[in-house]
Amino acid sequence: YPKISTMPIGWFRAGDLRIETRHLPV
């Protein structure tokens, strides 16, 4: 799951995209 605080808003360059995620087991 991505962290909301790291999701892009608006325009961005592909190289600038760094979305922090967390892994959770089922």
mmCIF file of all heavy atoms, coordinates in Angstrom:
data_MODEL
# 
_entry.id   MODEL 
# 
loop_
_atom_site.group_PDB 
_atom_site.id 
_atom_site.type_symbol 
_atom_site.label_atom_id 
_atom_site.label_alt_id 
_atom_site.label_comp_id 
_atom_site.label_asym_id 
_atom_site.label_entity_id 
_atom_site.label_seq_id 
_atom_site.pdbx_PDB_ins_code 
_atom_site.Cartn_x 
_atom_site.Cartn_y 
_atom_site.Cartn_z 
_atom_site.occupancy 
_atom_site.B_iso_or_equiv 
_atom_site.pdbx_formal_charge 
_atom_site.auth_seq_id 
_atom_site.auth_comp_id 
_atom_site.auth_asym_id 
_atom_site.auth_atom_id 
_atom_site.pdbx_PDB_model_num 
ATOM 1   N N   . TYR A 1 1  ? 0.847  -1.196  0.000   1.00 0.00 ? 1  TYR A N   1 
ATOM 2   C CA  . TYR A 1 1  ? 0.000  0.000   0.000   1.00 0.00 ? 1  TYR A CA  1 
ATOM 3   C C   . TYR A 1 1  ? 0.879  1.241   0.000   1.00 0.00 ? 1  TYR A C   1 
ATOM 4   O O   . TYR A 1 1  ? 1.844  1.325   0.758   1.00 0.00 ? 1  TYR A O   1 
ATOM 5   C CB  . TYR A 1 1  ? -0.901 0.024   1.239   1.00 0.00 ? 1  TYR A CB  1 
ATOM 6   C CG  . TYR A 1 1  ? -1.932 -1.063  1.226   1.00 0.00 ? 1  TYR A CG  1 
ATOM 7   C CD1 . TYR A 1 1  ? -1.684 -2.289  1.830   1.00 0.00 ? 1  TYR A CD1 1 
ATOM 8   C CD2 . TYR A 1 1  ? -3.143 -0.878  0.582   1.00 0.00 ? 1  TYR A CD2 1 
ATOM 9   C CE1 . TYR A 1 1  ? -2.638 -3.301  1.795   1.00 0.00 ? 1  TYR A CE1 1 
ATOM 10  C CE2 . TYR A 1 1  ? -4.095 -1.880  0.547   1.00 0.00 ? 1  TYR A CE2 1 
ATOM 11  C CZ  . TYR A 1 1  ? -3.832 -3.083  1.154   1.00 0.00 ? 1  TYR A CZ  1 
ATOM 12  O OH  . TYR A 1 1  ? -4.769 -4.091  1.109   1.00 0.00 ? 1  TYR A OH  1 
ATOM 13  N N   . PRO A 1 2  ? 0.545  2.242   -0.851  1.00 0.00 ? 2  PRO A N   1 
ATOM 14  C CA  . PRO A 1 2  ? 1.317  3.493   -0.839  1.00 0.00 ? 2  PRO A CA  1 
ATOM 15  C C   . PRO A 1 2  ? 0.912  4.376   0.341   1.00 0.00 ? 2  PRO A C   1 
ATOM 16  O O   . PRO A 1 2  ? -0.238 4.354   0.780   1.00 0.00 ? 2  PRO A O   1 
ATOM 17  C CB  . PRO A 1 2  ? 0.931  4.153   -2.160  1.00 0.00 ? 2  PRO A CB  1 
ATOM 18  C CG  . PRO A 1 2  ? -0.426 3.627   -2.460  1.00 0.00 ? 2  PRO A CG  1 
ATOM 19  C CD  . PRO A 1 2  ? -0.467 2.230   -1.892  1.00 0.00 ? 2  PRO A CD  1 
ATOM 20  N N   . LYS A 1 3  ? 1.902  5.128   0.847   1.00 0.00 ? 3  LYS A N   1 
ATOM 21  C CA  . LYS A 1 3  ? 1.601  6.123   1.872   1.00 0.00 ? 3  LYS A CA  1 
ATOM 22  C C   . LYS A 1 3  ? 1.017  7.346   1.181   1.00 0.00 ? 3  LYS A C   1 
ATOM 23  O O   . LYS A 1 3  ? 1.545  7.812   0.180   1.00 0.00 ? 3  LYS A O   1 
ATOM 24  C CB  . LYS A 1 3  ? 2.868  6.512   2.623   1.00 0.00 ? 3  LYS A CB  1 
ATOM 25  C CG  . LYS A 1 3  ? 3.313  5.476   3.628   1.00 0.00 ? 3  LYS A CG  1 
ATOM 26  C CD  . LYS A 1 3  ? 4.563  5.923   4.346   1.00 0.00 ? 3  LYS A CD  1 
ATOM 27  C CE  . LYS A 1 3  ? 4.291  7.149   5.176   1.00 0.00 ? 3  LYS A CE  1 
ATOM 28  N NZ  . LYS A 1 3  ? 5.465  7.557   5.966   1.00 0.00 ? 3  LYS A NZ  1 
ATOM 29  N N   . ILE A 1 4  ? -0.069 7.863   1.696   1.00 0.00 ? 4  ILE A N   1 
ATOM 30  C CA  . ILE A 1 4  ? -0.751 9.013   1.093   1.00 0.00 ? 4  ILE A CA  1 
ATOM 31  C C   . ILE A 1 4  ? 0.167  10.221  1.026   1.00 0.00 ? 4  ILE A C   1 
ATOM 32  O O   . ILE A 1 4  ? 0.192  10.927  0.027   1.00 0.00 ? 4  ILE A O   1 
ATOM 33  C CB  . ILE A 1 4  ? -2.033 9.357   1.887   1.00 0.00 ? 4  ILE A CB  1 
ATOM 34  C CG1 . ILE A 1 4  ? -3.038 8.217   1.760   1.00 0.00 ? 4  ILE A CG1 1 
ATOM 35  C CG2 . ILE A 1 4  ? -2.630 10.667  1.408   1.00 0.00 ? 4  ILE A CG2 1 
ATOM 36  C CD1 . ILE A 1 4  ? -4.234 8.350   2.658   1.00 0.00 ? 4  ILE A CD1 1 
ATOM 37  N N   . SER A 1 5  ? 0.963  10.443  2.048   1.00 0.00 ? 5  SER A N   1 
ATOM 38  C CA  . SER A 1 5  ? 1.818  11.635  2.094   1.00 0.00 ? 5  SER A CA  1 
ATOM 39  C C   . SER A 1 5  ? 2.886  11.647  1.007   1.00 0.00 ? 5  SER A C   1 
ATOM 40  O O   . SER A 1 5  ? 3.464  12.683  0.715   1.00 0.00 ? 5  SER A O   1 
ATOM 41  C CB  . SER A 1 5  ? 2.487  11.749  3.466   1.00 0.00 ? 5  SER A CB  1 
ATOM 42  O OG  . SER A 1 5  ? 3.277  10.597  3.710   1.00 0.00 ? 5  SER A OG  1 
ATOM 43  N N   . THR A 1 6  ? 3.164  10.501  0.375   1.00 0.00 ? 6  THR A N   1 
ATOM 44  C CA  . THR A 1 6  ? 4.185  10.456  -0.666  1.00 0.00 ? 6  THR A CA  1 
ATOM 45  C C   . THR A 1 6  ? 3.588  10.324  -2.059  1.00 0.00 ? 6  THR A C   1 
ATOM 46  O O   . THR A 1 6  ? 4.322  10.223  -3.033  1.00 0.00 ? 6  THR A O   1 
ATOM 47  C CB  . THR A 1 6  ? 5.159  9.281   -0.431  1.00 0.00 ? 6  THR A CB  1 
ATOM 48  O OG1 . THR A 1 6  ? 4.437  8.048   -0.497  1.00 0.00 ? 6  THR A OG1 1 
ATOM 49  C CG2 . THR A 1 6  ? 5.852  9.408   0.907   1.00 0.00 ? 6  THR A CG2 1 
ATOM 50  N N   . MET A 1 7  ? 2.258  10.324  -2.181  1.00 0.00 ? 7  MET A N   1 
ATOM 51  C CA  . MET A 1 7  ? 1.625  10.220  -3.494  1.00 0.00 ? 7  MET A CA  1 
ATOM 52  C C   . MET A 1 7  ? 1.668  11.571  -4.192  1.00 0.00 ? 7  MET A C   1 
ATOM 53  O O   . MET A 1 7  ? 1.447  12.607  -3.569  1.00 0.00 ? 7  MET A O   1 
ATOM 54  C CB  . MET A 1 7  ? 0.185  9.723   -3.354  1.00 0.00 ? 7  MET A CB  1 
ATOM 55  C CG  . MET A 1 7  ? 0.112  8.284   -2.887  1.00 0.00 ? 7  MET A CG  1 
ATOM 56  S SD  . MET A 1 7  ? -1.560 7.695   -2.670  1.00 0.00 ? 7  MET A SD  1 
ATOM 57  C CE  . MET A 1 7  ? -2.116 7.646   -4.352  1.00 0.00 ? 7  MET A CE  1 
ATOM 58  N N   . PRO A 1 8  ? 1.970  11.587  -5.503  1.00 0.00 ? 8  PRO A N   1 
ATOM 59  C CA  . PRO A 1 8  ? 2.106  12.859  -6.214  1.00 0.00 ? 8  PRO A CA  1 
ATOM 60  C C   . PRO A 1 8  ? 0.762  13.562  -6.426  1.00 0.00 ? 8  PRO A C   1 
ATOM 61  O O   . PRO A 1 8  ? -0.257 12.929  -6.638  1.00 0.00 ? 8  PRO A O   1 
ATOM 62  C CB  . PRO A 1 8  ? 2.711  12.443  -7.552  1.00 0.00 ? 8  PRO A CB  1 
ATOM 63  C CG  . PRO A 1 8  ? 2.294  11.030  -7.736  1.00 0.00 ? 8  PRO A CG  1 
ATOM 64  C CD  . PRO A 1 8  ? 2.204  10.434  -6.355  1.00 0.00 ? 8  PRO A CD  1 
ATOM 65  N N   . ILE A 1 9  ? 0.816  14.867  -6.347  1.00 0.00 ? 9  ILE A N   1 
ATOM 66  C CA  . ILE A 1 9  ? -0.342 15.707  -6.657  1.00 0.00 ? 9  ILE A CA  1 
ATOM 67  C C   . ILE A 1 9  ? 0.098  16.669  -7.748  1.00 0.00 ? 9  ILE A C   1 
ATOM 68  O O   . ILE A 1 9  ? 1.109  17.342  -7.618  1.00 0.00 ? 9  ILE A O   1 
ATOM 69  C CB  . ILE A 1 9  ? -0.812 16.490  -5.412  1.00 0.00 ? 9  ILE A CB  1 
ATOM 70  C CG1 . ILE A 1 9  ? -1.251 15.514  -4.331  1.00 0.00 ? 9  ILE A CG1 1 
ATOM 71  C CG2 . ILE A 1 9  ? -1.920 17.461  -5.766  1.00 0.00 ? 9  ILE A CG2 1 
ATOM 72  C CD1 . ILE A 1 9  ? -1.588 16.171  -3.013  1.00 0.00 ? 9  ILE A CD1 1 
ATOM 73  N N   . GLY A 1 10 ? -0.660 16.722  -8.812  1.00 0.00 ? 10 GLY A N   1 
ATOM 74  C CA  . GLY A 1 10 ? -0.303 17.613  -9.915  1.00 0.00 ? 10 GLY A CA  1 
ATOM 75  C C   . GLY A 1 10 ? 0.711  16.985  -10.852 1.00 0.00 ? 10 GLY A C   1 
ATOM 76  O O   . GLY A 1 10 ? 0.832  15.782  -10.944 1.00 0.00 ? 10 GLY A O   1 
ATOM 77  N N   . TRP A 1 11 ? 1.484  17.849  -11.533 1.00 0.00 ? 11 TRP A N   1 
ATOM 78  C CA  . TRP A 1 11 ? 2.447  17.386  -12.533 1.00 0.00 ? 11 TRP A CA  1 
ATOM 79  C C   . TRP A 1 11 ? 3.774  17.041  -11.868 1.00 0.00 ? 11 TRP A C   1 
ATOM 80  O O   . TRP A 1 11 ? 4.176  17.658  -10.897 1.00 0.00 ? 11 TRP A O   1 
ATOM 81  C CB  . TRP A 1 11 ? 2.672  18.469  -13.578 1.00 0.00 ? 11 TRP A CB  1 
ATOM 82  C CG  . TRP A 1 11 ? 1.439  18.736  -14.363 1.00 0.00 ? 11 TRP A CG  1 
ATOM 83  C CD1 . TRP A 1 11 ? 0.529  19.736  -14.169 1.00 0.00 ? 11 TRP A CD1 1 
ATOM 84  C CD2 . TRP A 1 11 ? 0.944  17.971  -15.451 1.00 0.00 ? 11 TRP A CD2 1 
ATOM 85  N NE1 . TRP A 1 11 ? -0.493 19.649  -15.064 1.00 0.00 ? 11 TRP A NE1 1 
ATOM 86  C CE2 . TRP A 1 11 ? -0.260 18.553  -15.878 1.00 0.00 ? 11 TRP A CE2 1 
ATOM 87  C CE3 . TRP A 1 11 ? 1.396  16.838  -16.111 1.00 0.00 ? 11 TRP A CE3 1 
ATOM 88  C CZ2 . TRP A 1 11 ? -1.002 18.060  -16.920 1.00 0.00 ? 11 TRP A CZ2 1 
ATOM 89  C CZ3 . TRP A 1 11 ? 0.652  16.344  -17.164 1.00 0.00 ? 11 TRP A CZ3 1 
ATOM 90  C CH2 . TRP A 1 11 ? -0.536 16.960  -17.557 1.00 0.00 ? 11 TRP A CH2 1 
ATOM 91  N N   . PHE A 1 12 ? 4.439  16.046  -12.426 1.00 0.00 ? 12 PHE A N   1 
ATOM 92  C CA  . PHE A 1 12 ? 5.747  15.661  -11.923 1.00 0.00 ? 12 PHE A CA  1 
ATOM 93  C C   . PHE A 1 12 ? 6.524  14.992  -13.056 1.00 0.00 ? 12 PHE A C   1 
ATOM 94  O O   . PHE A 1 12 ? 5.950  14.514  -14.012 1.00 0.00 ? 12 PHE A O   1 
ATOM 95  C CB  . PHE A 1 12 ? 5.630  14.702  -10.730 1.00 0.00 ? 12 PHE A CB  1 
ATOM 96  C CG  . PHE A 1 12 ? 4.858  13.454  -11.061 1.00 0.00 ? 12 PHE A CG  1 
ATOM 97  C CD1 . PHE A 1 12 ? 5.501  12.322  -11.542 1.00 0.00 ? 12 PHE A CD1 1 
ATOM 98  C CD2 . PHE A 1 12 ? 3.477  13.412  -10.901 1.00 0.00 ? 12 PHE A CD2 1 
ATOM 99  C CE1 . PHE A 1 12 ? 4.784  11.182  -11.863 1.00 0.00 ? 12 PHE A CE1 1 
ATOM 100 C CE2 . PHE A 1 12 ? 2.759  12.271  -11.211 1.00 0.00 ? 12 PHE A CE2 1 
ATOM 101 C CZ  . PHE A 1 12 ? 3.416  11.153  -11.696 1.00 0.00 ? 12 PHE A CZ  1 
ATOM 102 N N   . ARG A 1 13 ? 7.828  14.970  -12.910 1.00 0.00 ? 13 ARG A N   1 
ATOM 103 C CA  . ARG A 1 13 ? 8.667  14.248  -13.868 1.00 0.00 ? 13 ARG A CA  1 
ATOM 104 C C   . ARG A 1 13 ? 8.836  12.822  -13.378 1.00 0.00 ? 13 ARG A C   1 
ATOM 105 O O   . ARG A 1 13 ? 8.935  12.578  -12.162 1.00 0.00 ? 13 ARG A O   1 
ATOM 106 C CB  . ARG A 1 13 ? 10.032 14.915  -13.981 1.00 0.00 ? 13 ARG A CB  1 
ATOM 107 C CG  . ARG A 1 13 ? 9.967  16.291  -14.620 1.00 0.00 ? 13 ARG A CG  1 
ATOM 108 C CD  . ARG A 1 13 ? 11.355 16.814  -14.829 1.00 0.00 ? 13 ARG A CD  1 
ATOM 109 N NE  . ARG A 1 13 ? 12.149 16.635  -13.604 1.00 0.00 ? 13 ARG A NE  1 
ATOM 110 C CZ  . ARG A 1 13 ? 12.958 17.533  -13.094 1.00 0.00 ? 13 ARG A CZ  1 
ATOM 111 N NH1 . ARG A 1 13 ? 13.084 18.696  -13.666 1.00 0.00 ? 13 ARG A NH1 1 
ATOM 112 N NH2 . ARG A 1 13 ? 13.639 17.289  -12.006 1.00 0.00 ? 13 ARG A NH2 1 
ATOM 113 N N   . ALA A 1 14 ? 8.895  11.874  -14.294 1.00 0.00 ? 14 ALA A N   1 
ATOM 114 C CA  . ALA A 1 14 ? 8.975  10.457  -13.930 1.00 0.00 ? 14 ALA A CA  1 
ATOM 115 C C   . ALA A 1 14 ? 10.150 10.168  -12.993 1.00 0.00 ? 14 ALA A C   1 
ATOM 116 O O   . ALA A 1 14 ? 10.043 9.377   -12.073 1.00 0.00 ? 14 ALA A O   1 
ATOM 117 C CB  . ALA A 1 14 ? 9.062  9.590   -15.175 1.00 0.00 ? 14 ALA A CB  1 
ATOM 118 N N   . GLY A 1 15 ? 11.275 10.816  -13.202 1.00 0.00 ? 15 GLY A N   1 
ATOM 119 C CA  . GLY A 1 15 ? 12.445 10.591  -12.353 1.00 0.00 ? 15 GLY A CA  1 
ATOM 120 C C   . GLY A 1 15 ? 12.276 11.106  -10.939 1.00 0.00 ? 15 GLY A C   1 
ATOM 121 O O   . GLY A 1 15 ? 12.993 10.707  -10.030 1.00 0.00 ? 15 GLY A O   1 
ATOM 122 N N   . ASP A 1 16 ? 11.320 12.024  -10.744 1.00 0.00 ? 16 ASP A N   1 
ATOM 123 C CA  . ASP A 1 16 ? 11.083 12.613  -9.421  1.00 0.00 ? 16 ASP A CA  1 
ATOM 124 C C   . ASP A 1 16 ? 10.111 11.802  -8.571  1.00 0.00 ? 16 ASP A C   1 
ATOM 125 O O   . ASP A 1 16 ? 9.916  12.106  -7.404  1.00 0.00 ? 16 ASP A O   1 
ATOM 126 C CB  . ASP A 1 16 ? 10.512 14.033  -9.562  1.00 0.00 ? 16 ASP A CB  1 
ATOM 127 C CG  . ASP A 1 16 ? 11.512 14.978  -10.198 1.00 0.00 ? 16 ASP A CG  1 
ATOM 128 O OD1 . ASP A 1 16 ? 12.721 14.670  -10.165 1.00 0.00 ? 16 ASP A OD1 1 
ATOM 129 O OD2 . ASP A 1 16 ? 11.077 16.003  -10.733 1.00 0.00 ? 16 ASP A OD2 1 
ATOM 130 N N   . LEU A 1 17 ? 9.515  10.786  -9.161  1.00 0.00 ? 17 LEU A N   1 
ATOM 131 C CA  . LEU A 1 17 ? 8.465  10.041  -8.474  1.00 0.00 ? 17 LEU A CA  1 
ATOM 132 C C   . LEU A 1 17 ? 9.057  9.013   -7.514  1.00 0.00 ? 17 LEU A C   1 
ATOM 133 O O   . LEU A 1 17 ? 9.708  8.067   -7.924  1.00 0.00 ? 17 LEU A O   1 
ATOM 134 C CB  . LEU A 1 17 ? 7.569  9.351   -9.500  1.00 0.00 ? 17 LEU A CB  1 
ATOM 135 C CG  . LEU A 1 17 ? 6.357  8.597   -8.966  1.00 0.00 ? 17 LEU A CG  1 
ATOM 136 C CD1 . LEU A 1 17 ? 5.446  9.550   -8.206  1.00 0.00 ? 17 LEU A CD1 1 
ATOM 137 C CD2 . LEU A 1 17 ? 5.609  7.952   -10.102 1.00 0.00 ? 17 LEU A CD2 1 
ATOM 138 N N   . ARG A 1 18 ? 8.837  9.217   -6.236  1.00 0.00 ? 18 ARG A N   1 
ATOM 139 C CA  . ARG A 1 18 ? 9.276  8.274   -5.203  1.00 0.00 ? 18 ARG A CA  1 
ATOM 140 C C   . ARG A 1 18 ? 8.132  8.096   -4.219  1.00 0.00 ? 18 ARG A C   1 
ATOM 141 O O   . ARG A 1 18 ? 7.928  8.927   -3.352  1.00 0.00 ? 18 ARG A O   1 
ATOM 142 C CB  . ARG A 1 18 ? 10.513 8.790   -4.498  1.00 0.00 ? 18 ARG A CB  1 
ATOM 143 C CG  . ARG A 1 18 ? 11.746 8.726   -5.358  1.00 0.00 ? 18 ARG A CG  1 
ATOM 144 C CD  . ARG A 1 18 ? 12.963 9.283   -4.651  1.00 0.00 ? 18 ARG A CD  1 
ATOM 145 N NE  . ARG A 1 18 ? 14.107 9.296   -5.523  1.00 0.00 ? 18 ARG A NE  1 
ATOM 146 C CZ  . ARG A 1 18 ? 14.365 10.236  -6.425  1.00 0.00 ? 18 ARG A CZ  1 
ATOM 147 N NH1 . ARG A 1 18 ? 13.540 11.255  -6.555  1.00 0.00 ? 18 ARG A NH1 1 
ATOM 148 N NH2 . ARG A 1 18 ? 15.417 10.180  -7.194  1.00 0.00 ? 18 ARG A NH2 1 
ATOM 149 N N   . ILE A 1 19 ? 7.401  7.018   -4.382  1.00 0.00 ? 19 ILE A N   1 
ATOM 150 C CA  . ILE A 1 19 ? 6.257  6.751   -3.514  1.00 0.00 ? 19 ILE A CA  1 
ATOM 151 C C   . ILE A 1 19 ? 6.681  5.737   -2.463  1.00 0.00 ? 19 ILE A C   1 
ATOM 152 O O   . ILE A 1 19 ? 7.120  4.640   -2.786  1.00 0.00 ? 19 ILE A O   1 
ATOM 153 C CB  . ILE A 1 19 ? 5.055  6.225   -4.310  1.00 0.00 ? 19 ILE A CB  1 
ATOM 154 C CG1 . ILE A 1 19 ? 4.599  7.284   -5.313  1.00 0.00 ? 19 ILE A CG1 1 
ATOM 155 C CG2 . ILE A 1 19 ? 3.913  5.841   -3.376  1.00 0.00 ? 19 ILE A CG2 1 
ATOM 156 C CD1 . ILE A 1 19 ? 3.484  6.839   -6.217  1.00 0.00 ? 19 ILE A CD1 1 
ATOM 157 N N   . GLU A 1 20 ? 6.564  6.111   -1.209  1.00 0.00 ? 20 GLU A N   1 
ATOM 158 C CA  . GLU A 1 20 ? 6.893  5.220   -0.108  1.00 0.00 ? 20 GLU A CA  1 
ATOM 159 C C   . GLU A 1 20 ? 5.748  4.227   0.078   1.00 0.00 ? 20 GLU A C   1 
ATOM 160 O O   . GLU A 1 20 ? 4.577  4.605   0.014   1.00 0.00 ? 20 GLU A O   1 
ATOM 161 C CB  . GLU A 1 20 ? 7.086  6.049   1.159   1.00 0.00 ? 20 GLU A CB  1 
ATOM 162 C CG  . GLU A 1 20 ? 7.929  5.391   2.197   1.00 0.00 ? 20 GLU A CG  1 
ATOM 163 C CD  . GLU A 1 20 ? 8.206  6.328   3.365   1.00 0.00 ? 20 GLU A CD  1 
ATOM 164 O OE1 . GLU A 1 20 ? 8.377  7.536   3.145   1.00 0.00 ? 20 GLU A OE1 1 
ATOM 165 O OE2 . GLU A 1 20 ? 8.227  5.826   4.489   1.00 0.00 ? 20 GLU A OE2 1 
ATOM 166 N N   . THR A 1 21 ? 6.078  2.971   0.301   1.00 0.00 ? 21 THR A N   1 
ATOM 167 C CA  . THR A 1 21 ? 5.053  1.937   0.463   1.00 0.00 ? 21 THR A CA  1 
ATOM 168 C C   . THR A 1 21 ? 5.285  1.139   1.741   1.00 0.00 ? 21 THR A C   1 
ATOM 169 O O   . THR A 1 21 ? 6.363  1.180   2.333   1.00 0.00 ? 21 THR A O   1 
ATOM 170 C CB  . THR A 1 21 ? 5.059  0.958   -0.727  1.00 0.00 ? 21 THR A CB  1 
ATOM 171 O OG1 . THR A 1 21 ? 6.337  0.339   -0.812  1.00 0.00 ? 21 THR A OG1 1 
ATOM 172 C CG2 . THR A 1 21 ? 4.729  1.666   -2.027  1.00 0.00 ? 21 THR A CG2 1 
ATOM 173 N N   . ARG A 1 22 ? 4.256  0.413   2.135   1.00 0.00 ? 22 ARG A N   1 
ATOM 174 C CA  . ARG A 1 22 ? 4.332  -0.511  3.267   1.00 0.00 ? 22 ARG A CA  1 
ATOM 175 C C   . ARG A 1 22 ? 3.787  -1.854  2.811   1.00 0.00 ? 22 ARG A C   1 
ATOM 176 O O   . ARG A 1 22 ? 2.819  -1.918  2.057   1.00 0.00 ? 22 ARG A O   1 
ATOM 177 C CB  . ARG A 1 22 ? 3.496  -0.005  4.448   1.00 0.00 ? 22 ARG A CB  1 
ATOM 178 C CG  . ARG A 1 22 ? 4.007  1.265   5.058   1.00 0.00 ? 22 ARG A CG  1 
ATOM 179 C CD  . ARG A 1 22 ? 5.311  0.999   5.814   1.00 0.00 ? 22 ARG A CD  1 
ATOM 180 N NE  . ARG A 1 22 ? 5.804  2.190   6.431   1.00 0.00 ? 22 ARG A NE  1 
ATOM 181 C CZ  . ARG A 1 22 ? 6.753  2.962   5.925   1.00 0.00 ? 22 ARG A CZ  1 
ATOM 182 N NH1 . ARG A 1 22 ? 7.283  2.682   4.765   1.00 0.00 ? 22 ARG A NH1 1 
ATOM 183 N NH2 . ARG A 1 22 ? 7.182  4.020   6.565   1.00 0.00 ? 22 ARG A NH2 1 
ATOM 184 N N   . HIS A 1 23 ? 4.393  -2.932  3.287   1.00 0.00 ? 23 HIS A N   1 
ATOM 185 C CA  . HIS A 1 23 ? 3.974  -4.288  2.949   1.00 0.00 ? 23 HIS A CA  1 
ATOM 186 C C   . HIS A 1 23 ? 3.301  -4.913  4.169   1.00 0.00 ? 23 HIS A C   1 
ATOM 187 O O   . HIS A 1 23 ? 3.844  -4.861  5.269   1.00 0.00 ? 23 HIS A O   1 
ATOM 188 C CB  . HIS A 1 23 ? 5.174  -5.135  2.533   1.00 0.00 ? 23 HIS A CB  1 
ATOM 189 C CG  . HIS A 1 23 ? 5.933  -4.545  1.396   1.00 0.00 ? 23 HIS A CG  1 
ATOM 190 N ND1 . HIS A 1 23 ? 5.493  -4.622  0.092   1.00 0.00 ? 23 HIS A ND1 1 
ATOM 191 C CD2 . HIS A 1 23 ? 7.082  -3.834  1.360   1.00 0.00 ? 23 HIS A CD2 1 
ATOM 192 C CE1 . HIS A 1 23 ? 6.352  -4.003  -0.693  1.00 0.00 ? 23 HIS A CE1 1 
ATOM 193 N NE2 . HIS A 1 23 ? 7.320  -3.504  0.052   1.00 0.00 ? 23 HIS A NE2 1 
ATOM 194 N N   . LEU A 1 24 ? 2.121  -5.480  3.952   1.00 0.00 ? 24 LEU A N   1 
ATOM 195 C CA  . LEU A 1 24 ? 1.366  -6.106  5.044   1.00 0.00 ? 24 LEU A CA  1 
ATOM 196 C C   . LEU A 1 24 ? 0.962  -7.514  4.636   1.00 0.00 ? 24 LEU A C   1 
ATOM 197 O O   . LEU A 1 24 ? 0.456  -7.730  3.540   1.00 0.00 ? 24 LEU A O   1 
ATOM 198 C CB  . LEU A 1 24 ? 0.115  -5.283  5.360   1.00 0.00 ? 24 LEU A CB  1 
ATOM 199 C CG  . LEU A 1 24 ? 0.359  -3.883  5.899   1.00 0.00 ? 24 LEU A CG  1 
ATOM 200 C CD1 . LEU A 1 24 ? -0.921 -3.080  5.896   1.00 0.00 ? 24 LEU A CD1 1 
ATOM 201 C CD2 . LEU A 1 24 ? 0.916  -3.972  7.297   1.00 0.00 ? 24 LEU A CD2 1 
ATOM 202 N N   . PRO A 1 25 ? 1.164  -8.495  5.534   1.00 0.00 ? 25 PRO A N   1 
ATOM 203 C CA  . PRO A 1 25 ? 0.797  -9.873  5.219   1.00 0.00 ? 25 PRO A CA  1 
ATOM 204 C C   . PRO A 1 25 ? -0.689 -10.145 5.467   1.00 0.00 ? 25 PRO A C   1 
ATOM 205 O O   . PRO A 1 25 ? -1.295 -9.584  6.369   1.00 0.00 ? 25 PRO A O   1 
ATOM 206 C CB  . PRO A 1 25 ? 1.656  -10.695 6.181   1.00 0.00 ? 25 PRO A CB  1 
ATOM 207 C CG  . PRO A 1 25 ? 1.835  -9.795  7.367   1.00 0.00 ? 25 PRO A CG  1 
ATOM 208 C CD  . PRO A 1 25 ? 1.870  -8.389  6.811   1.00 0.00 ? 25 PRO A CD  1 
ATOM 209 N N   . VAL A 1 26 ? -1.233 -11.027 4.640   1.00 0.00 ? 26 VAL A N   1 
ATOM 210 C CA  . VAL A 1 26 ? -2.592 -11.525 4.844   1.00 0.00 ? 26 VAL A CA  1 
ATOM 211 C C   . VAL A 1 26 ? -2.456 -12.893 5.495   1.00 0.00 ? 26 VAL A C   1 
ATOM 212 O O   . VAL A 1 26 ? -1.620 -13.704 5.082   1.00 0.00 ? 26 VAL A O   1 
ATOM 213 C CB  . VAL A 1 26 ? -3.356 -11.644 3.505   1.00 0.00 ? 26 VAL A CB  1 
ATOM 214 C CG1 . VAL A 1 26 ? -4.719 -12.272 3.710   1.00 0.00 ? 26 VAL A CG1 1 
ATOM 215 C CG2 . VAL A 1 26 ? -3.481 -10.277 2.861   1.00 0.00 ? 26 VAL A CG2 1 
# 
